[in-house]
């Protein structure tokens, strides 16, 4: 996994733009810790690359800051494979890698 590891339970939300997007909301305690380290892990615009698991489903994506928390995007393929639906509370494992 990465240099920084997290395990938590997150609520799945929908954020509507031109198309619906689904995210797992990183809890406030973990979001604060990630925010404190963001300069060492972001590649710009506040996006932070992560390796994550929903159950046995491994995927890579980038966290995005929103309203003082971070959102973990959940692609349709990940949600389908993990059987995740809007409003579910899901166990998440996540790793971040420190830059240079």
PDB file of N, CA and C in Angstrom:
ATOM      1  N   UNK A   1       0.853  -1.166   0.000  1.00  0.00           N
ATOM      2  CA  UNK A   1       0.000   0.000   0.000  1.00  0.00           C
ATOM      3  C   UNK A   1       0.899   1.229   0.000  1.00  0.00           C
ATOM      4  N   UNK A   2       0.390   2.400   0.394  1.00  0.00           N
ATOM      5  CA  UNK A   2       1.168   3.629   0.355  1.00  0.00           C
ATOM      6  C   UNK A   2       1.892   3.918   1.652  1.00  0.00           C
ATOM      7  N   UNK A   3       2.497   5.103   1.716  1.00  0.00           N
ATOM      8  CA  UNK A   3       3.221   5.537   2.905  1.00  0.00           C
ATOM      9  C   UNK A   3       2.258   5.870   4.051  1.00  0.00           C
ATOM     10  N   UNK A   4       1.091   6.395   3.726  1.00  0.00           N
ATOM     11  CA  UNK A   4       0.054   6.719   4.709  1.00  0.00           C
ATOM     12  C   UNK A   4      -1.133   5.809   4.432  1.00  0.00           C
ATOM     13  N   UNK A   5      -1.615   5.136   5.474  1.00  0.00           N
ATOM     14  CA  UNK A   5      -2.722   4.205   5.286  1.00  0.00           C
ATOM     15  C   UNK A   5      -3.891   4.579   6.173  1.00  0.00           C
ATOM     16  N   UNK A   6      -5.085   4.384   5.662  1.00  0.00           N
ATOM     17  CA  UNK A   6      -6.309   4.710   6.377  1.00  0.00           C
ATOM     18  C   UNK A   6      -7.318   3.590   6.204  1.00  0.00           C
ATOM     19  N   UNK A   7      -8.111   3.355   7.243  1.00  0.00           N
ATOM     20  CA  UNK A   7      -9.269   2.455   7.172  1.00  0.00           C
ATOM     21  C   UNK A   7     -10.416   3.165   7.859  1.00  0.00           C
ATOM     22  N   UNK A   8     -11.576   3.195   7.197  1.00  0.00           N
ATOM     23  CA  UNK A   8     -12.725   3.887   7.759  1.00  0.00           C
ATOM     24  C   UNK A   8     -13.999   3.393   7.079  1.00  0.00           C
ATOM     25  N   UNK A   9     -15.125   3.796   7.637  1.00  0.00           N
ATOM     26  CA  UNK A   9     -16.419   3.533   7.021  1.00  0.00           C
ATOM     27  C   UNK A   9     -16.917   4.855   6.458  1.00  0.00           C
ATOM     28  N   UNK A  10     -17.379   4.834   5.220  1.00  0.00           N
ATOM     29  CA  UNK A  10     -17.783   6.058   4.541  1.00  0.00           C
ATOM     30  C   UNK A  10     -19.184   5.920   3.957  1.00  0.00           C
ATOM     31  N   UNK A  11     -19.890   7.030   3.921  1.00  0.00           N
ATOM     32  CA  UNK A  11     -21.209   7.067   3.296  1.00  0.00           C
ATOM     33  C   UNK A  11     -21.052   7.365   1.808  1.00  0.00           C
ATOM     34  N   UNK A  12     -21.825   6.668   0.980  1.00  0.00           N
ATOM     35  CA  UNK A  12     -21.802   6.893  -0.468  1.00  0.00           C
ATOM     36  C   UNK A  12     -22.834   7.976  -0.792  1.00  0.00           C
ATOM     37  N   UNK A  13     -22.343   9.035  -1.460  1.00  0.00           N
ATOM     38  CA  UNK A  13     -23.215  10.145  -1.841  1.00  0.00           C
ATOM     39  C   UNK A  13     -23.194  10.329  -3.353  1.00  0.00           C
ATOM     40  N   UNK A  14     -24.141  11.100  -3.832  1.00  0.00           N
ATOM     41  CA  UNK A  14     -24.193  11.473  -5.245  1.00  0.00           C
ATOM     42  C   UNK A  14     -23.987  12.977  -5.318  1.00  0.00           C
ATOM     43  N   UNK A  15     -23.150  13.402  -6.247  1.00  0.00           N
ATOM     44  CA  UNK A  15     -22.946  14.821  -6.500  1.00  0.00           C
ATOM     45  C   UNK A  15     -23.287  15.034  -7.957  1.00  0.00           C
ATOM     46  N   UNK A  16     -24.344  15.756  -8.206  1.00  0.00           N
ATOM     47  CA  UNK A  16     -24.815  15.937  -9.579  1.00  0.00           C
ATOM     48  C   UNK A  16     -24.144  17.131 -10.242  1.00  0.00           C
ATOM     49  N   UNK A  17     -23.652  16.881 -11.425  1.00  0.00           N
ATOM     50  CA  UNK A  17     -23.156  17.927 -12.303  1.00  0.00           C
ATOM     51  C   UNK A  17     -23.892  17.682 -13.604  1.00  0.00           C
ATOM     52  N   UNK A  18     -23.195  17.767 -14.724  1.00  0.00           N
ATOM     53  CA  UNK A  18     -23.838  17.399 -15.981  1.00  0.00           C
ATOM     54  C   UNK A  18     -24.252  15.919 -15.975  1.00  0.00           C
ATOM     55  N   UNK A  19     -23.548  15.122 -15.179  1.00  0.00           N
ATOM     56  CA  UNK A  19     -23.875  13.695 -15.021  1.00  0.00           C
ATOM     57  C   UNK A  19     -23.683  13.374 -13.540  1.00  0.00           C
ATOM     58  N   UNK A  20     -24.373  12.367 -13.028  1.00  0.00           N
ATOM     59  CA  UNK A  20     -24.187  12.037 -11.610  1.00  0.00           C
ATOM     60  C   UNK A  20     -22.828  11.379 -11.360  1.00  0.00           C
ATOM     61  N   UNK A  21     -22.233  11.717 -10.254  1.00  0.00           N
ATOM     62  CA  UNK A  21     -20.989  11.105  -9.815  1.00  0.00           C
ATOM     63  C   UNK A  21     -21.206  10.603  -8.395  1.00  0.00           C
ATOM     64  N   UNK A  22     -20.606   9.488  -8.062  1.00  0.00           N
ATOM     65  CA  UNK A  22     -20.757   8.887  -6.743  1.00  0.00           C
ATOM     66  C   UNK A  22     -19.419   8.906  -6.020  1.00  0.00           C
ATOM     67  N   UNK A  23     -19.483   9.216  -4.725  1.00  0.00           N
ATOM     68  CA  UNK A  23     -18.285   9.350  -3.918  1.00  0.00           C
ATOM     69  C   UNK A  23     -18.500   8.703  -2.558  1.00  0.00           C
ATOM     70  N   UNK A  24     -17.406   8.243  -1.962  1.00  0.00           N
ATOM     71  CA  UNK A  24     -17.388   7.874  -0.555  1.00  0.00           C
ATOM     72  C   UNK A  24     -16.788   9.079   0.164  1.00  0.00           C
ATOM     73  N   UNK A  25     -17.492   9.585   1.179  1.00  0.00           N
ATOM     74  CA  UNK A  25     -17.031  10.756   1.913  1.00  0.00           C
ATOM     75  C   UNK A  25     -16.034  10.310   2.983  1.00  0.00           C
ATOM     76  N   UNK A  26     -14.809  10.818   2.894  1.00  0.00           N
ATOM     77  CA  UNK A  26     -13.785  10.503   3.885  1.00  0.00           C
ATOM     78  C   UNK A  26     -14.169  11.218   5.187  1.00  0.00           C
ATOM     79  N   UNK A  27     -14.246  10.488   6.310  1.00  0.00           N
ATOM     80  CA  UNK A  27     -14.642  11.110   7.585  1.00  0.00           C
ATOM     81  C   UNK A  27     -13.731  12.265   7.983  1.00  0.00           C
ATOM     82  N   UNK A  28     -14.249  13.134   8.860  1.00  0.00           N
ATOM     83  CA  UNK A  28     -13.549  14.371   9.208  1.00  0.00           C
ATOM     84  C   UNK A  28     -12.162  14.137   9.819  1.00  0.00           C
ATOM     85  N   UNK A  29     -12.024  13.161  10.708  1.00  0.00           N
ATOM     86  CA  UNK A  29     -10.715  12.923  11.329  1.00  0.00           C
ATOM     87  C   UNK A  29      -9.666  12.568  10.279  1.00  0.00           C
ATOM     88  N   UNK A  30     -10.012  11.652   9.381  1.00  0.00           N
ATOM     89  CA  UNK A  30      -9.077  11.252   8.317  1.00  0.00           C
ATOM     90  C   UNK A  30      -8.862  12.395   7.329  1.00  0.00           C
ATOM     91  N   UNK A  31      -9.927  13.154   7.016  1.00  0.00           N
ATOM     92  CA  UNK A  31      -9.791  14.293   6.106  1.00  0.00           C
ATOM     93  C   UNK A  31      -8.833  15.333   6.676  1.00  0.00           C
ATOM     94  N   UNK A  32      -8.910  15.582   7.989  1.00  0.00           N
ATOM     95  CA  UNK A  32      -7.989  16.535   8.616  1.00  0.00           C
ATOM     96  C   UNK A  32      -6.556  16.054   8.501  1.00  0.00           C
ATOM     97  N   UNK A  33      -6.327  14.773   8.747  1.00  0.00           N
ATOM     98  CA  UNK A  33      -4.968  14.220   8.657  1.00  0.00           C
ATOM     99  C   UNK A  33      -4.448  14.301   7.222  1.00  0.00           C
ATOM    100  N   UNK A  34      -5.303  13.980   6.263  1.00  0.00           N
ATOM    101  CA  UNK A  34      -4.903  14.063   4.847  1.00  0.00           C
ATOM    102  C   UNK A  34      -4.627  15.514   4.474  1.00  0.00           C
ATOM    103  N   UNK A  35      -5.483  16.427   4.924  1.00  0.00           N
ATOM    104  CA  UNK A  35      -5.297  17.847   4.635  1.00  0.00           C
ATOM    105  C   UNK A  35      -3.978  18.374   5.174  1.00  0.00           C
ATOM    106  N   UNK A  36      -3.600  17.915   6.362  1.00  0.00           N
ATOM    107  CA  UNK A  36      -2.335  18.345   6.960  1.00  0.00           C
ATOM    108  C   UNK A  36      -1.131  17.874   6.152  1.00  0.00           C
ATOM    109  N   UNK A  37      -1.282  16.751   5.453  1.00  0.00           N
ATOM    110  CA  UNK A  37      -0.193  16.188   4.652  1.00  0.00           C
ATOM    111  C   UNK A  37      -0.344  16.495   3.162  1.00  0.00           C
ATOM    112  N   UNK A  38      -1.357  17.265   2.792  1.00  0.00           N
ATOM    113  CA  UNK A  38      -1.693  17.429   1.371  1.00  0.00           C
ATOM    114  C   UNK A  38      -0.540  17.938   0.519  1.00  0.00           C
ATOM    115  N   UNK A  39       0.289  18.816   1.068  1.00  0.00           N
ATOM    116  CA  UNK A  39       1.413  19.336   0.291  1.00  0.00           C
ATOM    117  C   UNK A  39       2.411  18.270  -0.117  1.00  0.00           C
ATOM    118  N   UNK A  40       2.471  17.180   0.647  1.00  0.00           N
ATOM    119  CA  UNK A  40       3.420  16.100   0.368  1.00  0.00           C
ATOM    120  C   UNK A  40       2.816  15.003  -0.502  1.00  0.00           C
ATOM    121  N   UNK A  41       1.500  15.113  -0.801  1.00  0.00           N
ATOM    122  CA  UNK A  41       0.864  14.036  -1.569  1.00  0.00           C
ATOM    123  C   UNK A  41       0.085  14.518  -2.788  1.00  0.00           C
ATOM    124  N   UNK A  42      -0.241  15.802  -2.886  1.00  0.00           N
ATOM    125  CA  UNK A  42      -1.042  16.286  -4.008  1.00  0.00           C
ATOM    126  C   UNK A  42      -0.196  16.457  -5.267  1.00  0.00           C
ATOM    127  N   UNK A  43      -0.845  16.342  -6.412  1.00  0.00           N
ATOM    128  CA  UNK A  43      -0.171  16.640  -7.672  1.00  0.00           C
ATOM    129  C   UNK A  43      -0.731  17.914  -8.277  1.00  0.00           C
ATOM    130  N   UNK A  44      -1.524  18.650  -7.548  1.00  0.00           N
ATOM    131  CA  UNK A  44      -2.055  19.935  -8.001  1.00  0.00           C
ATOM    132  C   UNK A  44      -3.563  20.006  -7.854  1.00  0.00           C
ATOM    133  N   UNK A  45      -4.084  21.215  -7.754  1.00  0.00           N
ATOM    134  CA  UNK A  45      -5.522  21.490  -7.635  1.00  0.00           C
ATOM    135  C   UNK A  45      -6.148  20.778  -6.442  1.00  0.00           C
ATOM    136  N   UNK A  46      -5.334  20.346  -5.495  1.00  0.00           N
ATOM    137  CA  UNK A  46      -5.849  19.675  -4.314  1.00  0.00           C
ATOM    138  C   UNK A  46      -6.135  18.196  -4.514  1.00  0.00           C
ATOM    139  N   UNK A  47      -6.009  17.683  -5.735  1.00  0.00           N
ATOM    140  CA  UNK A  47      -6.252  16.264  -5.999  1.00  0.00           C
ATOM    141  C   UNK A  47      -5.109  15.427  -5.424  1.00  0.00           C
ATOM    142  N   UNK A  48      -5.486  14.315  -4.798  1.00  0.00           N
ATOM    143  CA  UNK A  48      -4.495  13.455  -4.141  1.00  0.00           C
ATOM    144  C   UNK A  48      -4.661  12.027  -4.649  1.00  0.00           C
ATOM    145  N   UNK A  49      -3.643  11.482  -5.349  1.00  0.00           N
ATOM    146  CA  UNK A  49      -3.755  10.113  -5.857  1.00  0.00           C
ATOM    147  C   UNK A  49      -3.771   9.097  -4.723  1.00  0.00           C
ATOM    148  N   UNK A  50      -4.629   8.089  -4.855  1.00  0.00           N
ATOM    149  CA  UNK A  50      -4.745   7.047  -3.838  1.00  0.00           C
ATOM    150  C   UNK A  50      -4.929   5.679  -4.482  1.00  0.00           C
ATOM    151  N   UNK A  51      -4.581   4.676  -3.715  1.00  0.00           N
ATOM    152  CA  UNK A  51      -4.903   3.288  -4.009  1.00  0.00           C
ATOM    153  C   UNK A  51      -5.934   2.914  -2.948  1.00  0.00           C
ATOM    154  N   UNK A  52      -7.063   2.358  -3.363  1.00  0.00           N
ATOM    155  CA  UNK A  52      -8.138   2.096  -2.409  1.00  0.00           C
ATOM    156  C   UNK A  52      -8.756   0.728  -2.638  1.00  0.00           C
ATOM    157  N   UNK A  53      -9.449   0.251  -1.597  1.00  0.00           N
ATOM    158  CA  UNK A  53     -10.167  -1.024  -1.657  1.00  0.00           C
ATOM    159  C   UNK A  53     -11.562  -0.833  -1.073  1.00  0.00           C
ATOM    160  N   UNK A  54     -12.543  -1.383  -1.745  1.00  0.00           N
ATOM    161  CA  UNK A  54     -13.882  -1.584  -1.196  1.00  0.00           C
ATOM    162  C   UNK A  54     -14.013  -3.096  -1.115  1.00  0.00           C
ATOM    163  N   UNK A  55     -13.899  -3.651   0.072  1.00  0.00           N
ATOM    164  CA  UNK A  55     -13.855  -5.107   0.192  1.00  0.00           C
ATOM    165  C   UNK A  55     -12.626  -5.618  -0.525  1.00  0.00           C
ATOM    166  N   UNK A  56     -12.812  -6.540  -1.464  1.00  0.00           N
ATOM    167  CA  UNK A  56     -11.692  -7.099  -2.231  1.00  0.00           C
ATOM    168  C   UNK A  56     -11.430  -6.350  -3.534  1.00  0.00           C
ATOM    169  N   UNK A  57     -12.201  -5.312  -3.806  1.00  0.00           N
ATOM    170  CA  UNK A  57     -12.065  -4.562  -5.060  1.00  0.00           C
ATOM    171  C   UNK A  57     -11.011  -3.478  -4.884  1.00  0.00           C
ATOM    172  N   UNK A  58      -9.891  -3.611  -5.600  1.00  0.00           N
ATOM    173  CA  UNK A  58      -8.797  -2.637  -5.562  1.00  0.00           C
ATOM    174  C   UNK A  58      -8.939  -1.705  -6.754  1.00  0.00           C
ATOM    175  N   UNK A  59      -8.725  -0.402  -6.509  1.00  0.00           N
ATOM    176  CA  UNK A  59      -8.767   0.562  -7.604  1.00  0.00           C
ATOM    177  C   UNK A  59      -7.890   1.760  -7.268  1.00  0.00           C
ATOM    178  N   UNK A  60      -7.522   2.515  -8.286  1.00  0.00           N
ATOM    179  CA  UNK A  60      -6.770   3.744  -8.088  1.00  0.00           C
ATOM    180  C   UNK A  60      -7.622   4.907  -8.576  1.00  0.00           C
ATOM    181  N   UNK A  61      -7.481   6.026  -7.902  1.00  0.00           N
ATOM    182  CA  UNK A  61      -8.231   7.226  -8.255  1.00  0.00           C
ATOM    183  C   UNK A  61      -7.569   8.395  -7.552  1.00  0.00           C
ATOM    184  N   UNK A  62      -8.234   9.529  -7.487  1.00  0.00           N
ATOM    185  CA  UNK A  62      -7.715  10.690  -6.767  1.00  0.00           C
ATOM    186  C   UNK A  62      -8.795  11.275  -5.882  1.00  0.00           C
ATOM    187  N   UNK A  63      -8.419  11.591  -4.642  1.00  0.00           N
ATOM    188  CA  UNK A  63      -9.324  12.275  -3.727  1.00  0.00           C
ATOM    189  C   UNK A  63      -9.473  13.725  -4.172  1.00  0.00           C
ATOM    190  N   UNK A  64     -10.649  14.288  -3.921  1.00  0.00           N
ATOM    191  CA  UNK A  64     -10.887  15.693  -4.208  1.00  0.00           C
ATOM    192  C   UNK A  64     -11.409  16.378  -2.953  1.00  0.00           C
ATOM    193  N   UNK A  65     -10.884  17.578  -2.637  1.00  0.00           N
ATOM    194  CA  UNK A  65     -11.381  18.293  -1.465  1.00  0.00           C
ATOM    195  C   UNK A  65     -12.748  18.908  -1.762  1.00  0.00           C
ATOM    196  N   UNK A  66     -13.666  18.830  -0.780  1.00  0.00           N
ATOM    197  CA  UNK A  66     -14.970  19.484  -0.911  1.00  0.00           C
ATOM    198  C   UNK A  66     -15.530  19.741   0.480  1.00  0.00           C
ATOM    199  N   UNK A  67     -15.832  20.987   0.763  1.00  0.00           N
ATOM    200  CA  UNK A  67     -16.479  21.392   2.014  1.00  0.00           C
ATOM    201  C   UNK A  67     -15.751  20.878   3.260  1.00  0.00           C
ATOM    202  N   UNK A  68     -14.426  20.978   3.264  1.00  0.00           N
ATOM    203  CA  UNK A  68     -13.646  20.597   4.438  1.00  0.00           C
ATOM    204  C   UNK A  68     -13.386  19.114   4.580  1.00  0.00           C
ATOM    205  N   UNK A  69     -13.824  18.329   3.618  1.00  0.00           N
ATOM    206  CA  UNK A  69     -13.583  16.876   3.634  1.00  0.00           C
ATOM    207  C   UNK A  69     -12.960  16.485   2.299  1.00  0.00           C
ATOM    208  N   UNK A  70     -12.691  15.210   2.158  1.00  0.00           N
ATOM    209  CA  UNK A  70     -12.227  14.682   0.876  1.00  0.00           C
ATOM    210  C   UNK A  70     -13.250  13.691   0.371  1.00  0.00           C
ATOM    211  N   UNK A  71     -13.392  13.649  -0.953  1.00  0.00           N
ATOM    212  CA  UNK A  71     -14.305  12.714  -1.607  1.00  0.00           C
ATOM    213  C   UNK A  71     -13.492  11.687  -2.384  1.00  0.00           C
ATOM    214  N   UNK A  72     -13.845  10.414  -2.207  1.00  0.00           N
ATOM    215  CA  UNK A  72     -13.219   9.308  -2.923  1.00  0.00           C
ATOM    216  C   UNK A  72     -14.160   8.904  -4.056  1.00  0.00           C
ATOM    217  N   UNK A  73     -13.804   9.196  -5.320  1.00  0.00           N
ATOM    218  CA  UNK A  73     -14.684   8.847  -6.436  1.00  0.00           C
ATOM    219  C   UNK A  73     -14.873   7.337  -6.552  1.00  0.00           C
ATOM    220  N   UNK A  74     -16.108   6.927  -6.820  1.00  0.00           N
ATOM    221  CA  UNK A  74     -16.442   5.512  -6.993  1.00  0.00           C
ATOM    222  C   UNK A  74     -16.997   5.310  -8.396  1.00  0.00           C
ATOM    223  N   UNK A  75     -16.156   4.802  -9.289  1.00  0.00           N
ATOM    224  CA  UNK A  75     -16.573   4.541 -10.665  1.00  0.00           C
ATOM    225  C   UNK A  75     -17.640   3.461 -10.698  1.00  0.00           C
ATOM    226  N   UNK A  76     -18.438   3.474 -11.742  1.00  0.00           N
ATOM    227  CA  UNK A  76     -19.514   2.502 -11.902  1.00  0.00           C
ATOM    228  C   UNK A  76     -18.989   1.072 -11.806  1.00  0.00           C
ATOM    229  N   UNK A  77     -17.864   0.781 -12.443  1.00  0.00           N
ATOM    230  CA  UNK A  77     -17.318  -0.578 -12.410  1.00  0.00           C
ATOM    231  C   UNK A  77     -16.979  -1.005 -10.985  1.00  0.00           C
ATOM    232  N   UNK A  78     -16.456  -0.095 -10.187  1.00  0.00           N
ATOM    233  CA  UNK A  78     -16.114  -0.395  -8.788  1.00  0.00           C
ATOM    234  C   UNK A  78     -17.390  -0.611  -7.984  1.00  0.00           C
ATOM    235  N   UNK A  79     -18.359   0.298  -8.136  1.00  0.00           N
ATOM    236  CA  UNK A  79     -19.620   0.177  -7.393  1.00  0.00           C
ATOM    237  C   UNK A  79     -20.344  -1.116  -7.733  1.00  0.00           C
ATOM    238  N   UNK A  80     -20.378  -1.456  -9.008  1.00  0.00           N
ATOM    239  CA  UNK A  80     -21.059  -2.676  -9.451  1.00  0.00           C
ATOM    240  C   UNK A  80     -20.370  -3.911  -8.886  1.00  0.00           C
ATOM    241  N   UNK A  81     -19.040  -3.971  -9.010  1.00  0.00           N
ATOM    242  CA  UNK A  81     -18.295  -5.140  -8.526  1.00  0.00           C
ATOM    243  C   UNK A  81     -18.429  -5.314  -7.016  1.00  0.00           C
ATOM    244  N   UNK A  82     -18.511  -4.191  -6.278  1.00  0.00           N
ATOM    245  CA  UNK A  82     -18.602  -4.250  -4.822  1.00  0.00           C
ATOM    246  C   UNK A  82     -20.051  -4.288  -4.326  1.00  0.00           C
ATOM    247  N   UNK A  83     -21.020  -4.140  -5.247  1.00  0.00           N
ATOM    248  CA  UNK A  83     -22.427  -4.145  -4.856  1.00  0.00           C
ATOM    249  C   UNK A  83     -22.815  -2.924  -4.035  1.00  0.00           C
ATOM    250  N   UNK A  84     -22.205  -1.787  -4.339  1.00  0.00           N
ATOM    251  CA  UNK A  84     -22.420  -0.555  -3.571  1.00  0.00           C
ATOM    252  C   UNK A  84     -23.494   0.302  -4.231  1.00  0.00           C
ATOM    253  N   UNK A  85     -24.380   0.851  -3.373  1.00  0.00           N
ATOM    254  CA  UNK A  85     -25.456   1.707  -3.860  1.00  0.00           C
ATOM    255  C   UNK A  85     -25.447   3.041  -3.106  1.00  0.00           C
ATOM    256  N   UNK A  86     -26.114   4.023  -3.680  1.00  0.00           N
ATOM    257  CA  UNK A  86     -26.253   5.334  -3.074  1.00  0.00           C
ATOM    258  C   UNK A  86     -26.798   5.197  -1.655  1.00  0.00           C
ATOM    259  N   UNK A  87     -26.170   5.893  -0.699  1.00  0.00           N
ATOM    260  CA  UNK A  87     -26.614   5.874   0.683  1.00  0.00           C
ATOM    261  C   UNK A  87     -25.983   4.783   1.525  1.00  0.00           C
ATOM    262  N   UNK A  88     -25.329   3.794   0.887  1.00  0.00           N
ATOM    263  CA  UNK A  88     -24.661   2.734   1.648  1.00  0.00           C
ATOM    264  C   UNK A  88     -23.540   3.319   2.499  1.00  0.00           C
ATOM    265  N   UNK A  89     -23.221   2.634   3.588  1.00  0.00           N
ATOM    266  CA  UNK A  89     -22.019   2.905   4.378  1.00  0.00           C
ATOM    267  C   UNK A  89     -21.066   1.755   4.066  1.00  0.00           C
ATOM    268  N   UNK A  90     -19.885   2.088   3.571  1.00  0.00           N
ATOM    269  CA  UNK A  90     -18.970   1.068   3.082  1.00  0.00           C
ATOM    270  C   UNK A  90     -17.618   1.136   3.795  1.00  0.00           C
ATOM    271  N   UNK A  91     -17.008  -0.038   4.039  1.00  0.00           N
ATOM    272  CA  UNK A  91     -15.657  -0.048   4.601  1.00  0.00           C
ATOM    273  C   UNK A  91     -14.646   0.270   3.499  1.00  0.00           C
ATOM    274  N   UNK A  92     -13.740   1.173   3.796  1.00  0.00           N
ATOM    275  CA  UNK A  92     -12.733   1.608   2.820  1.00  0.00           C
ATOM    276  C   UNK A  92     -11.352   1.438   3.431  1.00  0.00           C
ATOM    277  N   UNK A  93     -10.431   0.906   2.639  1.00  0.00           N
ATOM    278  CA  UNK A  93      -9.000   0.937   2.962  1.00  0.00           C
ATOM    279  C   UNK A  93      -8.367   1.806   1.899  1.00  0.00           C
ATOM    280  N   UNK A  94      -7.409   2.629   2.300  1.00  0.00           N
ATOM    281  CA  UNK A  94      -6.862   3.573   1.344  1.00  0.00           C
ATOM    282  C   UNK A  94      -5.409   3.866   1.683  1.00  0.00           C
ATOM    283  N   UNK A  95      -4.574   3.986   0.659  1.00  0.00           N
ATOM    284  CA  UNK A  95      -3.167   4.322   0.842  1.00  0.00           C
ATOM    285  C   UNK A  95      -2.754   5.505  -0.006  1.00  0.00           C
ATOM    286  N   UNK A  96      -1.959   6.392   0.572  1.00  0.00           N
ATOM    287  CA  UNK A  96      -1.403   7.547  -0.124  1.00  0.00           C
ATOM    288  C   UNK A  96       0.104   7.408  -0.132  1.00  0.00           C
ATOM    289  N   UNK A  97       0.729   7.842  -1.195  1.00  0.00           N
ATOM    290  CA  UNK A  97       2.183   7.787  -1.300  1.00  0.00           C
ATOM    291  C   UNK A  97       2.754   9.187  -1.250  1.00  0.00           C
ATOM    292  N   UNK A  98       3.714   9.418  -0.356  1.00  0.00           N
ATOM    293  CA  UNK A  98       4.368  10.725  -0.249  1.00  0.00           C
ATOM    294  C   UNK A  98       5.219  10.969  -1.472  1.00  0.00           C
ATOM    295  N   UNK A  99       5.217  12.214  -1.938  1.00  0.00           N
ATOM    296  CA  UNK A  99       6.052  12.584  -3.088  1.00  0.00           C
ATOM    297  C   UNK A  99       7.495  12.771  -2.627  1.00  0.00           C
ATOM    298  N   UNK A 100       8.423  12.412  -3.549  1.00  0.00           N
ATOM    299  CA  UNK A 100       9.830  12.641  -3.445  1.00  0.00           C
ATOM    300  C   UNK A 100      10.425  12.642  -2.132  1.00  0.00           C
TER     301      UNK A 100
END
